Amino acid sequence: MAYGGLRGAVGFSLAVVLKHDVWYRDLFVTTALVMVFFTVFLQGGTIGFLVKLLKIELDDKEETPICLDIQEKVMEDVTEGIIAVCGKNKAQGAFMKQIKVLDKKT
């Protein structure tokens, strides 16, 4: 995890919260930015090579990305909430009435 660059952003956020009137704030912010760029670009760019060099086995399972899983569950909850508030038949009936009104106008 350290090689992948997870320590740079934490150091930068700690440097930014220093008081503005201390003489070493700019030094800390600059050093933290250098560390962020070093860990993200140099170490992050070579991590694939390092994994192949050390012959680390990767998990080949194709799983559903967590964002899609969360989105699906949220949409199910929202749909259930709408049905609970409006009622399934009432919502469909109101929608169909609006469609019929629009059809008569055209």
N, C-alpha and C. Protein backbone atom coordinates (compact mmCIF):
# COMPACT_ATOMS: atom_id res chain seq x y z
N MET A 1 0.82 -1.19 0.00
CA MET A 1 0.00 0.00 0.00
C MET A 1 0.87 1.25 0.00
N ALA A 2 1.97 1.22 0.70
CA ALA A 2 2.84 2.39 0.74
C ALA A 2 3.47 2.62 -0.63
N TYR A 3 3.80 1.54 -1.33
CA TYR A 3 4.42 1.69 -2.65
C TYR A 3 3.41 2.26 -3.65
N GLY A 4 2.14 1.96 -3.47
CA GLY A 4 1.11 2.44 -4.39
C GLY A 4 0.78 3.91 -4.26
N GLY A 5 1.27 4.59 -3.26
CA GLY A 5 1.09 6.02 -3.16
C GLY A 5 0.00 6.46 -2.20
N LEU A 6 -0.35 5.65 -1.23
CA LEU A 6 -1.42 6.04 -0.34
C LEU A 6 -0.98 7.00 0.75
N ARG A 7 0.30 7.25 0.91
CA ARG A 7 0.75 8.13 1.99
C ARG A 7 0.89 9.59 1.54
N GLY A 8 0.93 9.89 0.25
CA GLY A 8 1.15 11.24 -0.23
C GLY A 8 0.02 12.20 0.05
N ALA A 9 -1.21 11.78 -0.17
CA ALA A 9 -2.35 12.66 0.02
C ALA A 9 -2.55 13.01 1.49
N VAL A 10 -2.29 12.08 2.36
CA VAL A 10 -2.44 12.35 3.79
C VAL A 10 -1.41 13.39 4.24
N GLY A 11 -0.18 13.24 3.79
CA GLY A 11 0.86 14.22 4.12
C GLY A 11 0.54 15.60 3.59
N PHE A 12 0.00 15.66 2.38
CA PHE A 12 -0.35 16.95 1.80
C PHE A 12 -1.47 17.62 2.59
N SER A 13 -2.49 16.85 2.96
CA SER A 13 -3.59 17.44 3.72
C SER A 13 -3.12 17.92 5.09
N LEU A 14 -2.17 17.22 5.70
CA LEU A 14 -1.63 17.68 6.98
C LEU A 14 -0.80 18.96 6.81
N ALA A 15 -0.09 19.07 5.70
CA ALA A 15 0.72 20.27 5.46
C ALA A 15 -0.17 21.48 5.18
N VAL A 16 -1.28 21.29 4.53
CA VAL A 16 -2.16 22.39 4.17
C VAL A 16 -2.85 22.98 5.40
N VAL A 17 -3.08 22.17 6.43
CA VAL A 17 -3.78 22.69 7.60
C VAL A 17 -2.88 23.45 8.56
N LEU A 18 -1.59 23.56 8.24
CA LEU A 18 -0.69 24.37 9.08
C LEU A 18 -1.09 25.84 9.00
N LYS A 19 -0.79 26.58 10.05
CA LYS A 19 -1.10 28.01 10.07
C LYS A 19 -0.34 28.74 8.97
N HIS A 20 -0.96 29.75 8.40
CA HIS A 20 -0.34 30.48 7.28
C HIS A 20 0.83 31.35 7.72
N ASP A 21 0.91 31.73 8.96
CA ASP A 21 1.95 32.68 9.38
C ASP A 21 3.25 32.02 9.86
N VAL A 22 3.37 30.71 9.78
CA VAL A 22 4.62 30.05 10.18
C VAL A 22 5.56 29.98 8.99
N TRP A 23 6.85 30.10 9.23
CA TRP A 23 7.82 30.19 8.13
C TRP A 23 8.00 28.87 7.37
N TYR A 24 7.72 27.75 8.01
CA TYR A 24 7.97 26.45 7.39
C TYR A 24 6.77 25.88 6.64
N ARG A 25 5.65 26.58 6.60
CA ARG A 25 4.45 26.06 5.92
C ARG A 25 4.70 25.81 4.44
N ASP A 26 5.30 26.77 3.74
CA ASP A 26 5.57 26.59 2.31
C ASP A 26 6.51 25.42 2.06
N LEU A 27 7.49 25.24 2.94
CA LEU A 27 8.41 24.11 2.82
C LEU A 27 7.66 22.79 2.95
N PHE A 28 6.77 22.70 3.91
CA PHE A 28 6.01 21.47 4.13
C PHE A 28 5.06 21.18 2.96
N VAL A 29 4.38 22.23 2.47
CA VAL A 29 3.45 22.03 1.35
C VAL A 29 4.19 21.59 0.10
N THR A 30 5.33 22.23 -0.18
CA THR A 30 6.13 21.86 -1.36
C THR A 30 6.65 20.43 -1.24
N THR A 31 7.16 20.08 -0.07
CA THR A 31 7.66 18.72 0.14
C THR A 31 6.55 17.70 0.01
N ALA A 32 5.38 18.03 0.54
CA ALA A 32 4.26 17.10 0.43
C ALA A 32 3.83 16.93 -1.02
N LEU A 33 3.82 18.01 -1.80
CA LEU A 33 3.47 17.90 -3.23
C LEU A 33 4.47 17.04 -3.98
N VAL A 34 5.74 17.21 -3.67
CA VAL A 34 6.77 16.37 -4.31
C VAL A 34 6.51 14.91 -3.96
N MET A 35 6.17 14.63 -2.72
CA MET A 35 5.88 13.25 -2.32
C MET A 35 4.64 12.71 -3.03
N VAL A 36 3.62 13.55 -3.19
CA VAL A 36 2.42 13.11 -3.89
C VAL A 36 2.75 12.76 -5.33
N PHE A 37 3.47 13.64 -6.03
CA PHE A 37 3.84 13.35 -7.42
C PHE A 37 4.74 12.13 -7.51
N PHE A 38 5.67 11.99 -6.60
CA PHE A 38 6.57 10.84 -6.60
C PHE A 38 5.80 9.54 -6.42
N THR A 39 4.93 9.51 -5.41
CA THR A 39 4.21 8.27 -5.13
C THR A 39 3.18 7.94 -6.19
N VAL A 40 2.52 8.96 -6.72
CA VAL A 40 1.47 8.70 -7.70
C VAL A 40 2.06 8.32 -9.05
N PHE A 41 3.00 9.10 -9.55
CA PHE A 41 3.48 8.87 -10.90
C PHE A 41 4.62 7.86 -10.98
N LEU A 42 5.65 8.01 -10.19
CA LEU A 42 6.78 7.10 -10.29
C LEU A 42 6.45 5.73 -9.71
N GLN A 43 6.00 5.72 -8.47
CA GLN A 43 5.70 4.43 -7.87
C GLN A 43 4.44 3.81 -8.48
N GLY A 44 3.41 4.62 -8.71
CA GLY A 44 2.19 4.10 -9.31
C GLY A 44 2.39 3.60 -10.72
N GLY A 45 3.27 4.25 -11.47
CA GLY A 45 3.55 3.83 -12.84
C GLY A 45 4.36 2.56 -12.94
N THR A 46 5.09 2.22 -11.91
CA THR A 46 5.94 1.02 -11.95
C THR A 46 5.35 -0.14 -11.17
N ILE A 47 4.19 0.01 -10.58
CA ILE A 47 3.62 -1.06 -9.76
C ILE A 47 3.26 -2.29 -10.61
N GLY A 48 2.78 -2.08 -11.83
CA GLY A 48 2.46 -3.21 -12.70
C GLY A 48 3.70 -4.03 -13.03
N PHE A 49 4.80 -3.35 -13.33
CA PHE A 49 6.06 -4.03 -13.61
C PHE A 49 6.53 -4.81 -12.38
N LEU A 50 6.40 -4.20 -11.21
CA LEU A 50 6.83 -4.85 -9.98
C LEU A 50 5.99 -6.10 -9.69
N VAL A 51 4.70 -6.04 -9.95
CA VAL A 51 3.83 -7.21 -9.75
C VAL A 51 4.26 -8.35 -10.67
N LYS A 52 4.55 -8.03 -11.93
CA LYS A 52 5.00 -9.06 -12.87
C LYS A 52 6.37 -9.60 -12.50
N LEU A 53 7.26 -8.73 -12.07
CA LEU A 53 8.61 -9.13 -11.70
C LEU A 53 8.59 -10.08 -10.50
N LEU A 54 7.75 -9.80 -9.54
CA LEU A 54 7.67 -10.65 -8.34
C LEU A 54 6.72 -11.83 -8.52
N LYS A 55 6.13 -11.94 -9.72
CA LYS A 55 5.22 -13.04 -10.07
C LYS A 55 4.09 -13.18 -9.04
N ILE A 56 3.45 -12.08 -8.74
CA ILE A 56 2.32 -12.07 -7.82
C ILE A 56 1.09 -12.50 -8.59
N GLU A 57 0.38 -13.48 -8.06
CA GLU A 57 -0.81 -13.99 -8.73
C GLU A 57 -1.97 -13.01 -8.52
N LEU A 58 -2.66 -12.72 -9.61
CA LEU A 58 -3.79 -11.80 -9.56
C LEU A 58 -5.08 -12.60 -9.60
N ASP A 59 -6.11 -12.09 -8.97
CA ASP A 59 -7.42 -12.71 -8.97
C ASP A 59 -8.08 -12.43 -10.31
N ASP A 60 -8.43 -13.48 -11.05
CA ASP A 60 -9.00 -13.33 -12.38
C ASP A 60 -10.53 -13.34 -12.38
N LYS A 61 -11.16 -13.43 -11.23
CA LYS A 61 -12.61 -13.47 -11.18
C LYS A 61 -13.18 -12.14 -11.67
N GLU A 62 -14.17 -12.23 -12.52
CA GLU A 62 -14.85 -11.03 -12.98
C GLU A 62 -16.06 -10.82 -12.09
N GLU A 63 -15.98 -9.85 -11.23
CA GLU A 63 -17.07 -9.54 -10.32
C GLU A 63 -17.72 -8.24 -10.76
N THR A 64 -18.96 -8.06 -10.34
CA THR A 64 -19.65 -6.81 -10.62
C THR A 64 -18.98 -5.70 -9.83
N PRO A 65 -18.62 -4.62 -10.48
CA PRO A 65 -18.02 -3.51 -9.74
C PRO A 65 -18.95 -3.03 -8.62
N ILE A 66 -18.37 -2.64 -7.51
CA ILE A 66 -19.16 -2.25 -6.34
C ILE A 66 -20.06 -1.06 -6.64
N CYS A 67 -19.63 -0.16 -7.52
CA CYS A 67 -20.46 1.01 -7.83
C CYS A 67 -21.75 0.59 -8.53
N LEU A 68 -21.69 -0.41 -9.40
CA LEU A 68 -22.90 -0.87 -10.07
C LEU A 68 -23.82 -1.59 -9.09
N ASP A 69 -23.23 -2.35 -8.18
CA ASP A 69 -24.01 -3.05 -7.18
C ASP A 69 -24.73 -2.06 -6.27
N ILE A 70 -24.03 -1.02 -5.84
CA ILE A 70 -24.64 0.00 -4.99
C ILE A 70 -25.73 0.75 -5.74
N GLN A 71 -25.46 1.09 -7.00
CA GLN A 71 -26.45 1.83 -7.79
C GLN A 71 -27.72 1.01 -7.96
N GLU A 72 -27.57 -0.28 -8.21
CA GLU A 72 -28.74 -1.15 -8.38
C GLU A 72 -29.57 -1.20 -7.09
N LYS A 73 -28.89 -1.34 -5.95
CA LYS A 73 -29.61 -1.41 -4.68
C LYS A 73 -30.28 -0.07 -4.34
N VAL A 74 -29.63 1.03 -4.64
CA VAL A 74 -30.23 2.34 -4.39
C VAL A 74 -31.48 2.53 -5.24
N MET A 75 -31.40 2.15 -6.51
CA MET A 75 -32.55 2.30 -7.39
C MET A 75 -33.71 1.41 -6.95
N GLU A 76 -33.41 0.22 -6.45
CA GLU A 76 -34.47 -0.64 -5.92
C GLU A 76 -35.13 0.02 -4.71
N ASP A 77 -34.33 0.61 -3.83
CA ASP A 77 -34.88 1.28 -2.65
C ASP A 77 -35.71 2.49 -3.03
N VAL A 78 -35.24 3.27 -4.01
CA VAL A 78 -35.99 4.44 -4.46
C VAL A 78 -37.32 4.00 -5.07
N THR A 79 -37.29 2.96 -5.89
CA THR A 79 -38.52 2.46 -6.51
C THR A 79 -39.51 1.98 -5.45
N GLU A 80 -39.01 1.25 -4.46
CA GLU A 80 -39.89 0.79 -3.39
C GLU A 80 -40.47 1.97 -2.61
N GLY A 81 -39.65 3.01 -2.41
CA GLY A 81 -40.15 4.20 -1.72
C GLY A 81 -41.23 4.90 -2.49
N ILE A 82 -41.06 5.03 -3.79
CA ILE A 82 -42.08 5.68 -4.63
C ILE A 82 -43.37 4.87 -4.62
N ILE A 83 -43.23 3.56 -4.70
CA ILE A 83 -44.42 2.70 -4.68
C ILE A 83 -45.11 2.81 -3.32
N ALA A 84 -44.32 2.88 -2.24
CA ALA A 84 -44.91 3.00 -0.90
C ALA A 84 -45.65 4.32 -0.73
N VAL A 85 -45.12 5.39 -1.31
CA VAL A 85 -45.76 6.70 -1.17
C VAL A 85 -46.96 6.83 -2.10
N CYS A 86 -46.76 6.50 -3.36
CA CYS A 86 -47.81 6.71 -4.36
C CYS A 86 -48.74 5.52 -4.53
N GLY A 87 -48.22 4.35 -4.29
CA GLY A 87 -48.98 3.15 -4.60
C GLY A 87 -48.78 2.80 -6.05
N LYS A 88 -48.61 1.54 -6.34
CA LYS A 88 -48.27 1.13 -7.70
C LYS A 88 -49.39 1.48 -8.68
N ASN A 89 -50.62 1.14 -8.34
CA ASN A 89 -51.72 1.39 -9.26
C ASN A 89 -52.02 2.87 -9.41
N LYS A 90 -51.91 3.63 -8.31
CA LYS A 90 -52.17 5.06 -8.38
C LYS A 90 -51.15 5.77 -9.27
N ALA A 91 -49.91 5.39 -9.14
CA ALA A 91 -48.87 6.03 -9.94
C ALA A 91 -49.08 5.73 -11.42
N GLN A 92 -49.39 4.48 -11.73
CA GLN A 92 -49.60 4.12 -13.13
C GLN A 92 -50.87 4.79 -13.67
N GLY A 93 -51.92 4.85 -12.82
CA GLY A 93 -53.17 5.48 -13.25
C GLY A 93 -52.99 6.96 -13.54
N ALA A 94 -52.26 7.67 -12.66
CA ALA A 94 -52.03 9.10 -12.86
C ALA A 94 -51.19 9.34 -14.11
N PHE A 95 -50.21 8.49 -14.33
CA PHE A 95 -49.36 8.63 -15.51
C PHE A 95 -50.17 8.40 -16.78
N MET A 96 -51.03 7.39 -16.77
CA MET A 96 -51.84 7.10 -17.95
C MET A 96 -52.84 8.22 -18.23
N LYS A 97 -53.38 8.86 -17.18
CA LYS A 97 -54.28 9.99 -17.39
C LYS A 97 -53.56 11.14 -18.08
N GLN A 98 -52.33 11.40 -17.67
CA GLN A 98 -51.55 12.47 -18.29
C GLN A 98 -51.26 12.15 -19.76
N ILE A 99 -50.97 10.91 -20.05
CA ILE A 99 -50.72 10.50 -21.44
C ILE A 99 -51.98 10.69 -22.28
N LYS A 100 -53.13 10.33 -21.74
CA LYS A 100 -54.39 10.48 -22.49
C LYS A 100 -54.69 11.95 -22.75
N VAL A 101 -54.42 12.81 -21.79
CA VAL A 101 -54.63 14.26 -21.99
C VAL A 101 -53.73 14.78 -23.10
N LEU A 102 -52.48 14.34 -23.11
CA LEU A 102 -51.56 14.76 -24.17
C LEU A 102 -51.98 14.22 -25.52
N ASP A 103 -52.50 12.97 -25.56
CA ASP A 103 -52.94 12.39 -26.81
C ASP A 103 -54.13 13.15 -27.40
N LYS A 104 -55.03 13.61 -26.54
CA LYS A 104 -56.21 14.35 -27.02
C LYS A 104 -55.81 15.71 -27.61
N LYS A 105 -54.74 16.31 -27.09
CA LYS A 105 -54.31 17.62 -27.56
C LYS A 105 -53.66 17.55 -28.95
N THR A 106 -53.12 16.41 -29.31
CA THR A 106 -52.44 16.31 -30.60
C THR A 106 -53.31 15.75 -31.68
